[in-house]
Structure formats: structure tokens, C-alpha cells
Amino acid sequence: MALRVKTFSFTFCFLSLLMSIQAVAEDHVVGQKDKAFTKQTLEIQKGDTVEFINQDPFFHNVFSLSDAKLFDLGSFPKGESRKITFDAAGEVEVECAIHPDMLMTITVKE
């Protein structure tokens, strides 16, 4: 009986550890360079964070009107960045309000 309880406890702890490792959110970086996002597409997991870094000598903005994630990170100068966490699965079209040709798509997986 004691061996069965120990085996169950070990198995439960091992499975809990495995599940927590898989649930760790990741950080991703997207630059803004030459009036373009450095990635046209990005695939991430729900709960991941994306940091947008302005590498141009002028202001950029980052926003989305997508149903999966509605946000506006505002305008920011060279060398500064803004982060956003994606908490729902779906397609997110990201744009710059200052430079309308700047577009990218983030696919957020379950």
C-alpha cells in the first residue's frame, strides 16, 4: 500500500512539473526598422508577450483593431519599446498609425 501511494505521488508530481514547464509563456521581439516591422508574420502561443522595439530615428506606433486583441501602445521614439501580452487565440493584424504601410500578422495559438 505504501509503495502504491509513493508511486502515485511521484507520478502526480512528475505530471504537474511537466504541465507547468509547457505552460511557461515566452517573450518575442519584433523590431521597427526602415518603416517596416522586422517580421511580417509571427506565430506565438496564448499567454506569450511580444516586445516592439523602435529602431528608426523617428516615432512609431503599434496598434491592432483585431477581435483577438484590441490594443494601442501609443507612439514612441527610437530606442524605446512597448510590450503586449496576447491572452486569446486568433489572428491579430498589427499596424503603425504613423506609417500605414507597416503591417504584420501575429497568429496566437491555443
Protein backbone atom coordinates (compact mmCIF):
# COMPACT_ATOMS: atom_id res chain seq x y z
CA MET A 1 0.00 0.00 0.00
CA ALA A 2 2.79 2.46 0.94
CA LEU A 3 4.61 1.73 -2.33
CA ARG A 4 1.43 2.40 -4.31
CA VAL A 5 0.95 5.78 -2.54
CA LYS A 6 4.59 6.74 -3.22
CA THR A 7 4.29 5.74 -6.87
CA PHE A 8 1.09 7.74 -7.24
CA SER A 9 2.66 10.77 -5.52
CA PHE A 10 5.74 10.60 -7.74
CA THR A 11 3.64 10.26 -10.89
CA PHE A 12 1.39 13.15 -9.87
CA CYS A 13 4.37 15.42 -9.11
CA PHE A 14 6.10 14.48 -12.36
CA LEU A 15 3.00 15.21 -14.44
CA SER A 16 2.41 18.51 -12.62
CA LEU A 17 6.01 19.55 -13.33
CA LEU A 18 5.67 18.60 -16.99
CA MET A 19 2.47 20.61 -17.36
CA SER A 20 3.98 23.67 -15.68
CA ILE A 21 7.00 23.58 -18.00
CA GLN A 22 4.73 23.57 -21.05
CA ALA A 23 2.65 26.43 -19.65
CA VAL A 24 5.58 28.88 -19.38
CA ALA A 25 4.93 31.91 -21.56
CA GLU A 26 7.61 33.11 -23.96
CA ASP A 27 8.83 36.58 -24.87
CA HIS A 28 9.22 37.57 -28.53
CA VAL A 29 10.86 40.64 -30.05
CA VAL A 30 9.78 42.50 -33.19
CA GLY A 31 11.76 45.47 -34.41
CA GLN A 32 10.51 48.53 -36.26
CA LYS A 33 13.20 49.35 -38.83
CA ASP A 34 13.13 51.22 -42.16
CA LYS A 35 9.40 51.93 -41.76
CA ALA A 36 8.62 48.20 -41.52
CA PHE A 37 8.18 45.54 -38.88
CA THR A 38 11.20 43.21 -38.87
CA LYS A 39 8.81 40.23 -39.07
CA GLN A 40 5.87 40.09 -41.44
CA THR A 41 4.35 37.15 -39.56
CA LEU A 42 4.84 35.69 -36.10
CA GLU A 43 3.32 32.57 -34.55
CA ILE A 44 3.07 32.55 -30.77
CA GLN A 45 1.20 30.74 -28.00
CA LYS A 46 -1.61 32.18 -25.90
CA GLY A 47 -0.03 33.96 -22.94
CA ASP A 48 3.15 34.97 -24.82
CA THR A 49 4.40 38.54 -24.83
CA VAL A 50 5.67 40.50 -27.83
CA GLU A 51 8.02 43.45 -27.40
CA PHE A 52 8.08 46.02 -30.19
CA ILE A 53 11.38 47.95 -30.40
CA ASN A 54 11.69 51.18 -32.39
CA GLN A 55 14.99 51.03 -34.30
CA ASP A 56 14.25 54.01 -36.58
CA PRO A 57 15.28 57.64 -35.93
CA PHE A 58 11.61 58.70 -35.83
CA PHE A 59 8.50 57.82 -33.88
CA HIS A 60 6.47 54.65 -34.44
CA ASN A 61 3.15 53.43 -33.09
CA VAL A 62 1.79 49.91 -32.63
CA PHE A 63 -1.91 49.10 -32.61
CA SER A 64 -4.47 46.45 -33.57
CA LEU A 65 -8.20 46.56 -34.15
CA SER A 66 -8.43 42.76 -34.36
CA ASP A 67 -11.12 40.88 -32.45
CA ALA A 68 -8.50 38.57 -30.93
CA LYS A 69 -6.59 41.51 -29.40
CA LEU A 70 -7.59 45.16 -29.48
CA PHE A 71 -4.78 47.49 -28.36
CA ASP A 72 -2.90 50.74 -28.96
CA LEU A 73 0.60 51.00 -27.50
CA GLY A 74 0.91 54.67 -28.42
CA SER A 75 3.78 56.42 -30.17
CA PHE A 76 7.39 56.05 -29.02
CA PRO A 77 10.83 57.24 -30.20
CA LYS A 78 13.98 55.43 -31.30
CA GLY A 79 15.43 53.08 -28.71
CA GLU A 80 12.20 52.68 -26.76
CA SER A 81 9.93 49.66 -26.76
CA ARG A 82 6.46 48.58 -25.75
CA LYS A 83 5.26 45.12 -24.68
CA ILE A 84 1.89 43.43 -25.07
CA THR A 85 0.67 40.03 -23.85
CA PHE A 86 -1.68 38.03 -26.06
CA ASP A 87 -4.26 36.22 -23.94
CA ALA A 88 -6.64 34.89 -26.60
CA ALA A 89 -6.12 32.68 -29.64
CA GLY A 90 -6.67 34.13 -33.11
CA GLU A 91 -5.21 36.24 -35.90
CA VAL A 92 -4.01 39.69 -34.91
CA GLU A 93 -3.23 42.28 -37.58
CA VAL A 94 -0.71 44.79 -36.23
CA GLU A 95 -0.18 48.23 -37.75
CA CYS A 96 1.61 51.54 -37.21
CA ALA A 97 -0.73 54.55 -37.12
CA ILE A 98 2.09 56.84 -38.29
CA HIS A 99 3.21 54.68 -41.24
CA PRO A 100 0.14 52.97 -42.75
CA ASP A 101 2.24 50.61 -44.93
CA MET A 102 3.63 48.96 -41.80
CA LEU A 103 1.67 45.73 -41.34
CA MET A 104 2.28 42.37 -39.76
CA THR A 105 0.19 39.41 -38.61
CA ILE A 106 0.54 37.60 -35.30
CA THR A 107 -1.08 34.18 -35.09
CA VAL A 108 -1.87 33.27 -31.49
CA LYS A 109 -2.25 29.52 -30.97
CA GLU A 110 -4.20 27.85 -28.14
